[in-house]
Amino acid sequence: MKLTNAIAVAAYLIAAGMALAASPEKPTHLLCKGDGDADVYVHLNSKKQFGHILSCVSGPFVSDMTPCAPNGGYGLSAATGSAALVGVVMRPQEYQRHLGGVTGFNRQGDDVTFIGGFMGSNGLQTSWTLKLDPEGNAVVRDKEGSTPYKCKPYAPSDFK
């Protein structure tokens, strides 16, 4: 029994690591589960909009925005209504006049970071961050504190 558990854990870690080690341009989808919390979904290089390949995240910490952005850039969400993605910029100076949600994404090697917040008259107020490591561990930090998740690759049937 212990040997089969060890094999299962090793296979899980290899799969999670391989998902992040995949080509930076290849779409990768991860399902992240925490203790009793709602699931988090990470979609790396999963869609193209505004002339950029975007990565997206969803989870209980996200509200009033479409949390997608290009690597090294920012996705801008509408301030009201559907909070749809309305633009993409590559430098922080370019979202200074935007009023609404801002999602940042950065992937350096196997380290993945999303940030989300709202740009208003007082500048960008970060609401949450999600950091993902090559072993499939993710941590979300928001106003509720830090929540750990374990992530593994999955094949979404209807992500667009």
C-alpha atoms as a PDB file:
ATOM      1  CA  MET A   1       0.000   0.000   0.000  1.00  0.00           C
ATOM      2  CA  LYS A   2       2.785   2.443   0.887  1.00  0.00           C
ATOM      3  CA  LEU A   3       4.596   1.732  -2.393  1.00  0.00           C
ATOM      4  CA  THR A   4       1.459   2.477  -4.436  1.00  0.00           C
ATOM      5  CA  ASN A   5       0.957   5.755  -2.533  1.00  0.00           C
ATOM      6  CA  ALA A   6       4.571   6.727  -3.194  1.00  0.00           C
ATOM      7  CA  ILE A   7       4.149   5.948  -6.888  1.00  0.00           C
ATOM      8  CA  ALA A   8       0.936   7.980  -7.041  1.00  0.00           C
ATOM      9  CA  VAL A   9       2.595  10.965  -5.328  1.00  0.00           C
ATOM     10  CA  ALA A  10       5.598  10.764  -7.661  1.00  0.00           C
ATOM     11  CA  ALA A  11       3.334  10.603 -10.726  1.00  0.00           C
ATOM     12  CA  TYR A  12       1.345  13.597  -9.459  1.00  0.00           C
ATOM     13  CA  LEU A  13       4.486  15.681  -8.893  1.00  0.00           C
ATOM     14  CA  ILE A  14       5.884  14.754 -12.297  1.00  0.00           C
ATOM     15  CA  ALA A  15       2.590  15.673 -14.011  1.00  0.00           C
ATOM     16  CA  ALA A  16       2.341  19.010 -12.200  1.00  0.00           C
ATOM     17  CA  GLY A  17       5.972  19.838 -12.944  1.00  0.00           C
ATOM     18  CA  MET A  18       5.623  18.823 -16.588  1.00  0.00           C
ATOM     19  CA  ALA A  19       2.581  21.082 -16.953  1.00  0.00           C
ATOM     20  CA  LEU A  20       4.609  24.120 -15.931  1.00  0.00           C
ATOM     21  CA  ALA A  21       7.720  22.949 -17.767  1.00  0.00           C
ATOM     22  CA  ALA A  22       5.781  22.754 -21.037  1.00  0.00           C
ATOM     23  CA  SER A  23       6.564  25.251 -23.740  1.00  0.00           C
ATOM     24  CA  PRO A  24       5.651  28.785 -22.574  1.00  0.00           C
ATOM     25  CA  GLU A  25       3.473  29.187 -25.687  1.00  0.00           C
ATOM     26  CA  LYS A  26       1.551  25.924 -25.327  1.00  0.00           C
ATOM     27  CA  PRO A  27      -1.858  26.191 -23.609  1.00  0.00           C
ATOM     28  CA  THR A  28      -1.828  24.602 -20.157  1.00  0.00           C
ATOM     29  CA  HIS A  29      -4.849  24.195 -17.898  1.00  0.00           C
ATOM     30  CA  LEU A  30      -4.560  23.539 -14.165  1.00  0.00           C
ATOM     31  CA  LEU A  31      -7.224  22.683 -11.611  1.00  0.00           C
ATOM     32  CA  CYS A  32      -6.212  23.752  -8.099  1.00  0.00           C
ATOM     33  CA  LYS A  33      -7.935  22.379  -5.017  1.00  0.00           C
ATOM     34  CA  GLY A  34      -7.742  23.658  -1.454  1.00  0.00           C
ATOM     35  CA  ASP A  35      -9.106  22.409   1.833  1.00  0.00           C
ATOM     36  CA  GLY A  36     -12.850  22.968   1.582  1.00  0.00           C
ATOM     37  CA  ASP A  37     -12.508  26.077  -0.576  1.00  0.00           C
ATOM     38  CA  ALA A  38     -13.863  26.531  -4.057  1.00  0.00           C
ATOM     39  CA  ASP A  39     -11.567  25.380  -6.836  1.00  0.00           C
ATOM     40  CA  VAL A  40      -9.148  27.672  -8.656  1.00  0.00           C
ATOM     41  CA  TYR A  41      -8.605  27.302 -12.403  1.00  0.00           C
ATOM     42  CA  VAL A  42      -5.442  28.498 -14.140  1.00  0.00           C
ATOM     43  CA  HIS A  43      -5.368  28.733 -17.941  1.00  0.00           C
ATOM     44  CA  LEU A  44      -1.882  29.536 -19.242  1.00  0.00           C
ATOM     45  CA  ASN A  45      -1.581  30.776 -22.841  1.00  0.00           C
ATOM     46  CA  SER A  46      -5.193  29.809 -23.332  1.00  0.00           C
ATOM     47  CA  LYS A  47      -6.704  32.484 -25.529  1.00  0.00           C
ATOM     48  CA  LYS A  48      -5.834  35.294 -27.889  1.00  0.00           C
ATOM     49  CA  GLN A  49      -7.386  38.733 -27.648  1.00  0.00           C
ATOM     50  CA  PHE A  50      -6.229  42.267 -28.478  1.00  0.00           C
ATOM     51  CA  GLY A  51      -3.325  40.774 -30.439  1.00  0.00           C
ATOM     52  CA  HIS A  52      -1.848  39.024 -27.383  1.00  0.00           C
ATOM     53  CA  ILE A  53      -1.815  35.483 -26.027  1.00  0.00           C
ATOM     54  CA  LEU A  54      -3.482  35.658 -22.615  1.00  0.00           C
ATOM     55  CA  SER A  55      -3.349  33.615 -19.442  1.00  0.00           C
ATOM     56  CA  CYS A  56      -6.343  33.630 -17.111  1.00  0.00           C
ATOM     57  CA  VAL A  57      -7.272  32.599 -13.596  1.00  0.00           C
ATOM     58  CA  SER A  58     -10.598  32.108 -11.845  1.00  0.00           C
ATOM     59  CA  GLY A  59     -11.519  31.419  -8.266  1.00  0.00           C
ATOM     60  CA  PRO A  60     -13.492  32.650  -5.278  1.00  0.00           C
ATOM     61  CA  PHE A  61     -11.132  35.608  -4.750  1.00  0.00           C
ATOM     62  CA  VAL A  62     -11.926  37.140  -8.165  1.00  0.00           C
ATOM     63  CA  SER A  63     -14.850  39.544  -8.554  1.00  0.00           C
ATOM     64  CA  ASP A  64     -15.863  42.335 -10.901  1.00  0.00           C
ATOM     65  CA  MET A  65     -13.146  41.655 -13.494  1.00  0.00           C
ATOM     66  CA  THR A  66     -12.059  39.337 -16.262  1.00  0.00           C
ATOM     67  CA  PRO A  67      -8.718  38.147 -14.849  1.00  0.00           C
ATOM     68  CA  CYS A  68      -6.671  37.596 -18.015  1.00  0.00           C
ATOM     69  CA  ALA A  69      -3.373  39.160 -19.103  1.00  0.00           C
ATOM     70  CA  PRO A  70      -0.401  38.578 -21.404  1.00  0.00           C
ATOM     71  CA  ASN A  71       2.938  37.501 -19.961  1.00  0.00           C
ATOM     72  CA  GLY A  72       4.639  40.598 -18.555  1.00  0.00           C
ATOM     73  CA  GLY A  73       1.527  42.703 -19.133  1.00  0.00           C
ATOM     74  CA  TYR A  74      -1.867  43.700 -17.822  1.00  0.00           C
ATOM     75  CA  GLY A  75      -5.475  43.014 -18.742  1.00  0.00           C
ATOM     76  CA  LEU A  76      -7.937  45.857 -18.228  1.00  0.00           C
ATOM     77  CA  SER A  77     -11.529  45.114 -17.261  1.00  0.00           C
ATOM     78  CA  ALA A  78     -14.518  47.421 -17.655  1.00  0.00           C
ATOM     79  CA  ALA A  79     -15.365  49.385 -14.515  1.00  0.00           C
ATOM     80  CA  THR A  80     -19.066  48.589 -14.637  1.00  0.00           C
ATOM     81  CA  GLY A  81     -21.488  46.121 -16.131  1.00  0.00           C
ATOM     82  CA  SER A  82     -20.084  42.765 -17.198  1.00  0.00           C
ATOM     83  CA  ALA A  83     -16.499  43.706 -16.181  1.00  0.00           C
ATOM     84  CA  ALA A  84     -15.429  42.358 -19.573  1.00  0.00           C
ATOM     85  CA  LEU A  85     -11.844  42.609 -20.744  1.00  0.00           C
ATOM     86  CA  VAL A  86     -11.588  45.924 -22.598  1.00  0.00           C
ATOM     87  CA  GLY A  87      -7.884  46.143 -23.328  1.00  0.00           C
ATOM     88  CA  VAL A  88      -4.355  44.910 -22.788  1.00  0.00           C
ATOM     89  CA  VAL A  89      -1.257  46.975 -21.986  1.00  0.00           C
ATOM     90  CA  MET A  90       2.350  45.982 -21.420  1.00  0.00           C
ATOM     91  CA  ARG A  91       3.550  48.672 -18.992  1.00  0.00           C
ATOM     92  CA  PRO A  92       2.098  49.967 -15.701  1.00  0.00           C
ATOM     93  CA  GLN A  93       2.230  53.527 -17.027  1.00  0.00           C
ATOM     94  CA  GLU A  94      -0.309  52.542 -19.675  1.00  0.00           C
ATOM     95  CA  TYR A  95      -3.083  51.674 -17.216  1.00  0.00           C
ATOM     96  CA  GLN A  96      -2.734  54.829 -15.082  1.00  0.00           C
ATOM     97  CA  ARG A  97      -5.822  56.444 -16.629  1.00  0.00           C
ATOM     98  CA  HIS A  98      -7.895  53.279 -16.621  1.00  0.00           C
ATOM     99  CA  LEU A  99     -10.744  53.066 -14.113  1.00  0.00           C
ATOM    100  CA  GLY A 100     -11.626  49.460 -13.387  1.00  0.00           C
ATOM    101  CA  GLY A 101     -10.081  46.052 -12.859  1.00  0.00           C
ATOM    102  CA  VAL A 102      -6.433  45.380 -13.651  1.00  0.00           C
ATOM    103  CA  THR A 103      -4.930  41.895 -13.852  1.00  0.00           C
ATOM    104  CA  GLY A 104      -1.194  41.386 -14.147  1.00  0.00           C
ATOM    105  CA  PHE A 105       0.531  38.182 -15.209  1.00  0.00           C
ATOM    106  CA  ASN A 106       4.188  37.215 -15.092  1.00  0.00           C
ATOM    107  CA  ARG A 107       5.835  33.911 -15.915  1.00  0.00           C
ATOM    108  CA  GLN A 108       9.551  33.556 -15.386  1.00  0.00           C
ATOM    109  CA  GLY A 109      10.652  29.999 -15.973  1.00  0.00           C
ATOM    110  CA  ASP A 110       8.416  27.801 -13.876  1.00  0.00           C
ATOM    111  CA  ASP A 111       7.271  30.567 -11.519  1.00  0.00           C
ATOM    112  CA  VAL A 112       3.832  31.981 -12.313  1.00  0.00           C
ATOM    113  CA  THR A 113       2.265  35.046 -10.674  1.00  0.00           C
ATOM    114  CA  PHE A 114      -1.102  36.712 -11.197  1.00  0.00           C
ATOM    115  CA  ILE A 115      -2.136  39.930  -9.451  1.00  0.00           C
ATOM    116  CA  GLY A 116      -5.564  41.518  -9.487  1.00  0.00           C
ATOM    117  CA  GLY A 117      -6.890  44.802  -8.262  1.00  0.00           C
ATOM    118  CA  PHE A 118      -8.695  47.992  -9.130  1.00  0.00           C
ATOM    119  CA  MET A 119      -7.349  51.216 -10.550  1.00  0.00           C
ATOM    120  CA  GLY A 120      -8.988  54.332  -9.216  1.00  0.00           C
ATOM    121  CA  SER A 121      -8.113  57.848  -8.125  1.00  0.00           C
ATOM    122  CA  ASN A 122      -5.751  56.458  -5.456  1.00  0.00           C
ATOM    123  CA  GLY A 123      -3.799  54.269  -7.898  1.00  0.00           C
ATOM    124  CA  LEU A 124      -3.852  50.503  -8.189  1.00  0.00           C
ATOM    125  CA  GLN A 125      -5.266  48.815  -5.098  1.00  0.00           C
ATOM    126  CA  THR A 126      -4.213  45.152  -5.228  1.00  0.00           C
ATOM    127  CA  SER A 127      -7.024  42.824  -4.107  1.00  0.00           C
ATOM    128  CA  TRP A 128      -5.339  39.442  -4.569  1.00  0.00           C
ATOM    129  CA  THR A 129      -2.262  37.578  -5.787  1.00  0.00           C
ATOM    130  CA  LEU A 130      -1.838  33.994  -6.934  1.00  0.00           C
ATOM    131  CA  LYS A 131       1.615  32.406  -7.030  1.00  0.00           C
ATOM    132  CA  LEU A 132       2.196  28.992  -8.553  1.00  0.00           C
ATOM    133  CA  ASP A 133       5.416  26.984  -8.331  1.00  0.00           C
ATOM    134  CA  PRO A 134       6.751  24.119 -10.500  1.00  0.00           C
ATOM    135  CA  GLU A 135       5.657  21.468  -7.987  1.00  0.00           C
ATOM    136  CA  GLY A 136       1.992  22.372  -8.449  1.00  0.00           C
ATOM    137  CA  ASN A 137       1.650  24.354  -5.236  1.00  0.00           C
ATOM    138  CA  ALA A 138      -0.335  27.581  -5.404  1.00  0.00           C
ATOM    139  CA  VAL A 139      -0.962  30.241  -2.790  1.00  0.00           C
ATOM    140  CA  VAL A 140      -3.674  32.883  -3.018  1.00  0.00           C
ATOM    141  CA  ARG A 141      -3.296  35.969  -0.861  1.00  0.00           C
ATOM    142  CA  ASP A 142      -6.285  38.257  -0.460  1.00  0.00           C
ATOM    143  CA  LYS A 143      -8.089  40.204   2.265  1.00  0.00           C
ATOM    144  CA  GLU A 144      -8.999  36.876   3.916  1.00  0.00           C
ATOM    145  CA  GLY A 145      -5.315  35.864   4.254  1.00  0.00           C
ATOM    146  CA  SER A 146      -3.334  33.134   2.488  1.00  0.00           C
ATOM    147  CA  THR A 147      -4.924  29.991   1.080  1.00  0.00           C
ATOM    148  CA  PRO A 148      -2.817  27.072  -0.225  1.00  0.00           C
ATOM    149  CA  TYR A 149      -3.885  24.941  -3.192  1.00  0.00           C
ATOM    150  CA  LYS A 150      -2.543  21.853  -4.950  1.00  0.00           C
ATOM    151  CA  CYS A 151      -2.757  22.016  -8.741  1.00  0.00           C
ATOM    152  CA  LYS A 152      -2.756  19.388 -11.450  1.00  0.00           C
ATOM    153  CA  PRO A 153      -3.249  19.495 -15.220  1.00  0.00           C
ATOM    154  CA  TYR A 154      -6.706  18.915 -16.628  1.00  0.00           C
ATOM    155  CA  ALA A 155      -8.446  19.141 -19.996  1.00  0.00           C
ATOM    156  CA  PRO A 156     -11.241  21.738 -19.968  1.00  0.00           C
ATOM    157  CA  SER A 157     -14.186  20.956 -22.169  1.00  0.00           C
ATOM    158  CA  ASP A 158     -15.582  24.436 -22.642  1.00  0.00           C
ATOM    159  CA  PHE A 159     -12.917  27.053 -21.782  1.00  0.00           C
ATOM    160  CA  LYS A 160     -12.765  29.674 -24.541  1.00  0.00           C
END
